[in-house]
Each structure stands twice: as structure tokens, then as C-alpha cells.
Amino acid sequence: MVEPVVLYSKSGAVAHIVLNRPRVMNAYNVQMRDELFITLEAVRDDPEVRAAVISGAGERAFCAGADLTEFGTAPSLAIARQVRWERDIWGLFLSLGKPLIAAMRGYVIGSGVEIACLCDIRIAADDAQFAMPEVALGMIPAAGGTQTLRRVVGASRALEMILSNRRVGAEEARRMGLAHSVVQADDLMSEAEEVAQRLADINPKTLALTRRAILEGMDMPLAAGVDLEHRLAGQL
């Protein structure tokens, strides 16, 4: 039997998603892509779930990036990119309609950063280390990193982080907006659970519409974004 690489459980109205390849620091491979897609669909479609926490198994990593034994050895970068996009994981993250909390410790590299940037709230353990190594490896981030990281930390910081492959610690990540808060590693999951529970106690339609107003309005001119906000507020 193939061991699952994404674990899913529920605690009341809070879902828990665990990237489960601890032996390779939860590196993102095709199996993880497929199981994560199915898991996110389950979160989206379950009316009992009002918030979700995503974390990595073990103590070494949230996600140490794409598994180069698969993506990095594809016949070409174009094929590697095509394999990643055969399922629109990132589109599903954005259209979920429910708040996602990233609980990050250890290495948050490449695809790990991209997953974190698609979450609404990012909590880092004090041992977290962030990096985007694709350019240093002769590649361009192929899972949206040039766009999602820019939207989270701004163009200047995204350029510096992606082009230089400089590693960023937890406190610096907090200062630049890549993490919203930093806690001791032993407190990471309890903190994430507490935040998720607070969100789960809010009317889910209010959360979904507010999330939509922010995400859809982000790339609109201000007047169009304000109009979107008014229309969505009217739905309540």
C-alpha cells in the first residue's frame, strides 16, 4: 500500500492538512500534488469545515520545495512546469472560500514559500527558514512564486529574495510580512489551532465574502475594488 503523503483530519470545524514526507523534509512531488488537490476539495466541499491549518510532518520542514528527483530531472523545464500545472492547486487555494492558516517550522523553501503565500494567515516557529532557490538552480519559479511572493512582501523584497537566494529567518520574515507572527516551535500547532478556532467561530459567509473582496480586489483599480466591496457587503 502506498503511504499517503498528505494527511487529513478534522477537529470540530477546523480541518488539519499535514504534508507528510518527513524523510525528505516534505518535498513537493506529483503524489503530494494529487493528494493535496483532493484534500483541498474536501475542505471546500465540507459544510462542517470553517477553517483549515496546513503544516508539515516532523520537526525539520514545512516543505523544502519541489522534489528535484521528479521535477528537476524532467526532460525540460517546460515539461516540469506542465507537470506541476496539470492540476490547478494554486487556483484551488485561492478559490477555497475558507480561511487557511499555514503553521511553518524548519525549512520553508521554494514550493513551501508558494504554498504559504496562498494561505491567509502565516504563523512561523522561531526555527523557520525561508528561501527561493530556483534561480540559483538555473530555473524560474514555476508554481506562481514570482507573483504570490510579490503580492505578500512587495516587489523589492521579492526580487531580492528570489534573485539572490538569500535565506530569511523567522523574525525577518515577520518584519517583511511573510509571517504574521513568530512563536516558539513547541507552541506552533496550539497557536495555529487557536487562530483557526477563532476564525471558525465567525459567520462563514462573512469570512468568504470578505476574503473574496480582498483577493479579487487586489489587482483592481481602487474605485473598482470599492465597488466590489459594496456589492459583496450587500449580499450579507
Protein backbone atom coordinates (compact mmCIF):
# COMPACT_ATOMS: atom_id res chain seq x y z
CA MET A 1 0.00 0.00 0.00
CA VAL A 2 1.27 3.45 -0.93
CA GLU A 3 1.80 5.64 2.12
CA PRO A 4 -0.26 8.84 1.96
CA VAL A 5 1.82 11.99 1.63
CA VAL A 6 -0.99 14.32 2.71
CA LEU A 7 -2.84 13.60 5.95
CA TYR A 8 -6.30 15.00 6.63
CA SER A 9 -8.28 15.19 9.86
CA LYS A 10 -10.92 17.37 11.47
CA SER A 11 -11.29 18.80 14.96
CA GLY A 12 -14.75 20.28 15.15
CA ALA A 13 -14.98 22.99 12.49
CA VAL A 14 -11.20 23.07 11.93
CA ALA A 15 -9.54 20.86 9.31
CA HIS A 16 -5.90 19.83 9.60
CA ILE A 17 -3.80 19.20 6.48
CA VAL A 18 -0.34 17.73 7.01
CA LEU A 19 2.29 17.44 4.28
CA ASN A 20 3.63 14.00 5.11
CA ARG A 21 7.04 13.24 3.61
CA PRO A 22 9.22 13.94 6.67
CA ARG A 23 12.13 11.78 5.44
CA VAL A 24 12.65 14.22 2.56
CA MET A 25 11.55 17.33 4.50
CA ASN A 26 8.07 17.21 2.94
CA ALA A 27 9.36 17.87 -0.57
CA TYR A 28 6.55 18.50 -3.03
CA ASN A 29 6.11 15.72 -5.60
CA VAL A 30 3.40 14.58 -8.01
CA GLN A 31 1.74 12.33 -5.44
CA MET A 32 1.60 15.24 -2.98
CA ARG A 33 0.15 17.48 -5.68
CA ASP A 34 -2.65 14.99 -6.38
CA GLU A 35 -3.43 14.24 -2.73
CA LEU A 36 -3.33 17.92 -1.77
CA PHE A 37 -5.76 18.74 -4.57
CA ILE A 38 -8.22 16.10 -3.32
CA THR A 39 -7.78 17.27 0.27
CA LEU A 40 -8.45 20.91 -0.58
CA GLU A 41 -11.58 19.84 -2.45
CA ALA A 42 -12.70 18.05 0.72
CA VAL A 43 -12.14 21.23 2.75
CA ARG A 44 -14.04 23.29 0.20
CA ASP A 45 -17.00 20.93 -0.04
CA ASP A 46 -17.44 20.04 3.64
CA PRO A 47 -20.01 22.41 5.21
CA GLU A 48 -18.76 21.49 8.68
CA VAL A 49 -15.26 22.86 7.96
CA ARG A 50 -14.90 26.60 8.51
CA ALA A 51 -11.12 26.96 8.67
CA ALA A 52 -8.06 24.83 7.95
CA VAL A 53 -4.49 24.56 9.20
CA ILE A 54 -1.74 23.31 6.89
CA SER A 55 1.56 22.12 8.36
CA GLY A 56 4.46 19.79 7.65
CA ALA A 57 5.15 16.46 9.33
CA GLY A 58 8.20 16.20 11.54
CA GLU A 59 10.39 18.92 13.01
CA ARG A 60 12.68 19.73 10.09
CA ALA A 61 10.47 21.36 7.49
CA PHE A 62 7.13 22.77 6.48
CA CYS A 63 8.02 21.99 2.86
CA ALA A 64 11.55 22.00 1.44
CA GLY A 65 10.42 22.73 -2.11
CA ALA A 66 9.83 20.67 -5.21
CA ASP A 67 11.22 17.13 -5.25
CA LEU A 68 14.04 17.55 -7.75
CA THR A 69 14.17 13.79 -8.37
CA GLU A 70 10.88 14.35 -10.22
CA PHE A 71 10.52 17.98 -11.28
CA GLY A 72 14.20 18.81 -11.60
CA THR A 73 15.02 15.84 -13.83
CA ALA A 74 12.16 16.27 -16.31
CA PRO A 75 13.25 16.35 -19.98
CA SER A 76 12.83 20.12 -20.00
CA LEU A 77 11.78 22.97 -17.72
CA ALA A 78 8.64 23.34 -19.85
CA ILE A 79 7.64 19.75 -19.13
CA ALA A 80 8.42 20.15 -15.43
CA ARG A 81 6.20 23.24 -15.37
CA GLN A 82 3.44 21.39 -17.26
CA VAL A 83 3.52 18.54 -14.75
CA ARG A 84 3.07 20.97 -11.86
CA TRP A 85 0.12 22.69 -13.54
CA GLU A 86 -1.75 19.53 -14.57
CA ARG A 87 -3.86 20.19 -11.52
CA ASP A 88 -4.52 23.80 -10.58
CA ILE A 89 -3.59 23.51 -6.92
CA TRP A 90 -2.88 27.22 -6.59
CA GLY A 91 -6.22 28.18 -8.17
CA LEU A 92 -7.96 25.88 -5.71
CA PHE A 93 -6.16 27.54 -2.80
CA LEU A 94 -7.38 30.95 -3.95
CA SER A 95 -10.97 29.88 -4.62
CA LEU A 96 -11.42 27.85 -1.44
CA GLY A 97 -13.66 30.41 0.25
CA LYS A 98 -12.45 29.36 3.72
CA PRO A 99 -9.51 30.77 5.71
CA LEU A 100 -6.26 28.83 5.62
CA ILE A 101 -3.57 29.07 8.30
CA ALA A 102 -0.01 28.00 7.49
CA ALA A 103 1.86 26.62 10.52
CA MET A 104 5.50 26.68 9.47
CA ARG A 105 8.62 25.37 11.11
CA GLY A 106 12.05 24.43 9.84
CA TYR A 107 12.68 24.81 6.12
CA VAL A 108 10.12 26.71 4.06
CA ILE A 109 11.72 26.56 0.64
CA GLY A 110 10.52 27.14 -2.93
CA SER A 111 7.12 25.48 -3.21
CA GLY A 112 6.85 25.74 0.57
CA VAL A 113 7.02 29.53 0.29
CA GLU A 114 4.50 29.43 -2.57
CA ILE A 115 2.05 27.35 -0.52
CA ALA A 116 2.48 29.66 2.48
CA CYS A 117 1.82 32.75 0.35
CA LEU A 118 -1.50 31.26 -0.73
CA CYS A 119 -2.61 30.96 2.89
CA ASP A 120 -4.46 33.77 4.65
CA ILE A 121 -2.53 33.70 7.92
CA ARG A 122 1.05 32.51 8.28
CA ILE A 123 2.45 31.55 11.68
CA ALA A 124 6.16 30.70 11.88
CA ALA A 125 8.08 28.81 14.51
CA ASP A 126 11.22 30.56 15.68
CA ASP A 127 13.32 27.96 13.81
CA ALA A 128 11.72 28.65 10.40
CA GLN A 129 14.00 29.44 7.46
CA PHE A 130 12.63 30.77 4.16
CA ALA A 131 14.29 30.74 0.72
CA MET A 132 13.52 30.73 -3.01
CA PRO A 133 16.41 28.79 -4.65
CA GLU A 134 15.06 28.29 -8.18
CA VAL A 135 17.14 31.00 -9.89
CA ALA A 136 20.30 29.73 -8.20
CA LEU A 137 19.49 26.30 -9.67
CA GLY A 138 19.08 27.73 -13.16
CA MET A 139 15.29 27.75 -13.12
CA ILE A 140 12.45 30.24 -12.84
CA PRO A 141 9.90 29.63 -10.06
CA ALA A 142 7.24 27.63 -11.89
CA ALA A 143 4.39 27.47 -9.40
CA GLY A 144 3.49 31.13 -9.10
CA GLY A 145 6.26 32.24 -6.76
CA THR A 146 7.17 35.35 -8.75
CA GLN A 147 3.58 36.52 -8.38
CA THR A 148 2.45 35.29 -4.96
CA LEU A 149 5.60 36.33 -3.08
CA ARG A 150 5.50 39.78 -4.71
CA ARG A 151 1.93 40.26 -3.54
CA VAL A 152 2.83 39.28 0.01
CA VAL A 153 6.12 41.12 0.59
CA GLY A 154 6.24 43.65 -2.27
CA ALA A 155 8.24 43.70 -5.50
CA SER A 156 11.52 44.93 -4.00
CA ARG A 157 11.78 42.26 -1.31
CA ALA A 158 10.54 39.54 -3.68
CA LEU A 159 13.21 40.46 -6.23
CA GLU A 160 15.95 40.37 -3.60
CA MET A 161 14.79 37.07 -2.14
CA ILE A 162 14.25 35.29 -5.46
CA LEU A 163 17.29 36.60 -7.34
CA SER A 164 19.83 36.24 -4.54
CA ASN A 165 18.57 33.02 -2.91
CA ARG A 166 19.22 34.64 0.47
CA ARG A 167 17.83 32.69 3.39
CA VAL A 168 15.42 34.62 5.61
CA GLY A 169 14.92 33.75 9.27
CA ALA A 170 11.62 33.77 11.14
CA GLU A 171 11.89 37.25 12.66
CA GLU A 172 12.91 38.86 9.39
CA ALA A 173 10.06 37.01 7.67
CA ARG A 174 7.70 38.56 10.20
CA ARG A 175 9.06 42.05 9.60
CA MET A 176 8.64 41.71 5.84
CA GLY A 177 5.13 40.25 6.08
CA LEU A 178 5.98 36.71 5.02
CA ALA A 179 4.96 35.56 8.51
CA HIS A 180 2.30 37.29 10.57
CA SER A 181 3.63 36.05 13.88
CA VAL A 182 6.51 34.03 15.33
CA VAL A 183 6.14 31.61 18.22
CA GLN A 184 8.31 29.01 19.90
CA ALA A 185 8.36 25.77 17.95
CA ASP A 186 6.64 23.82 20.75
CA ASP A 187 3.74 26.30 20.68
CA LEU A 188 3.27 26.39 16.90
CA MET A 189 0.39 23.97 16.49
CA SER A 190 -1.54 25.14 19.53
CA GLU A 191 -1.26 28.74 18.31
CA ALA A 192 -2.41 27.77 14.82
CA GLU A 193 -5.32 25.79 16.26
CA GLU A 194 -6.35 28.75 18.43
CA VAL A 195 -6.31 31.14 15.46
CA ALA A 196 -8.23 28.66 13.31
CA GLN A 197 -10.83 28.19 16.01
CA ARG A 198 -11.36 31.94 16.34
CA LEU A 199 -11.95 32.14 12.60
CA ALA A 200 -14.25 29.12 12.68
CA ASP A 201 -16.46 30.91 15.20
CA ILE A 202 -17.18 33.72 12.71
CA ASN A 203 -20.08 33.51 10.28
CA PRO A 204 -18.65 31.56 7.30
CA LYS A 205 -20.43 33.67 4.69
CA THR A 206 -18.94 36.83 6.19
CA LEU A 207 -15.46 35.29 6.05
CA ALA A 208 -15.88 34.03 2.49
CA LEU A 209 -17.15 37.34 1.13
CA THR A 210 -14.52 39.38 2.96
CA ARG A 211 -11.77 37.07 1.69
CA ARG A 212 -13.16 37.41 -1.82
CA ALA A 213 -13.26 41.21 -1.58
CA ILE A 214 -9.60 41.36 -0.58
CA LEU A 215 -8.26 38.79 -3.04
CA GLU A 216 -10.31 39.80 -6.08
CA GLY A 217 -9.91 43.50 -5.38
CA MET A 218 -6.14 43.29 -5.01
CA ASP A 219 -5.44 43.81 -8.72
CA MET A 220 -8.33 46.18 -9.42
CA PRO A 221 -8.20 49.97 -9.56
CA LEU A 222 -9.32 51.42 -6.24
CA ALA A 223 -12.74 52.53 -7.48
CA ALA A 224 -13.49 49.08 -8.91
CA GLY A 225 -12.32 47.44 -5.68
CA VAL A 226 -14.55 49.66 -3.57
CA ASP A 227 -17.47 48.83 -5.88
CA LEU A 228 -16.75 45.12 -5.44
CA GLU A 229 -16.71 45.59 -1.66
CA HIS A 230 -20.09 47.35 -1.74
CA ARG A 231 -21.64 44.61 -3.87
CA LEU A 232 -20.33 41.81 -1.68
CA ALA A 233 -21.37 43.63 1.52
CA GLY A 234 -24.88 43.83 0.08
CA GLN A 235 -25.01 40.03 -0.08
CA LEU A 236 -24.95 39.89 3.72
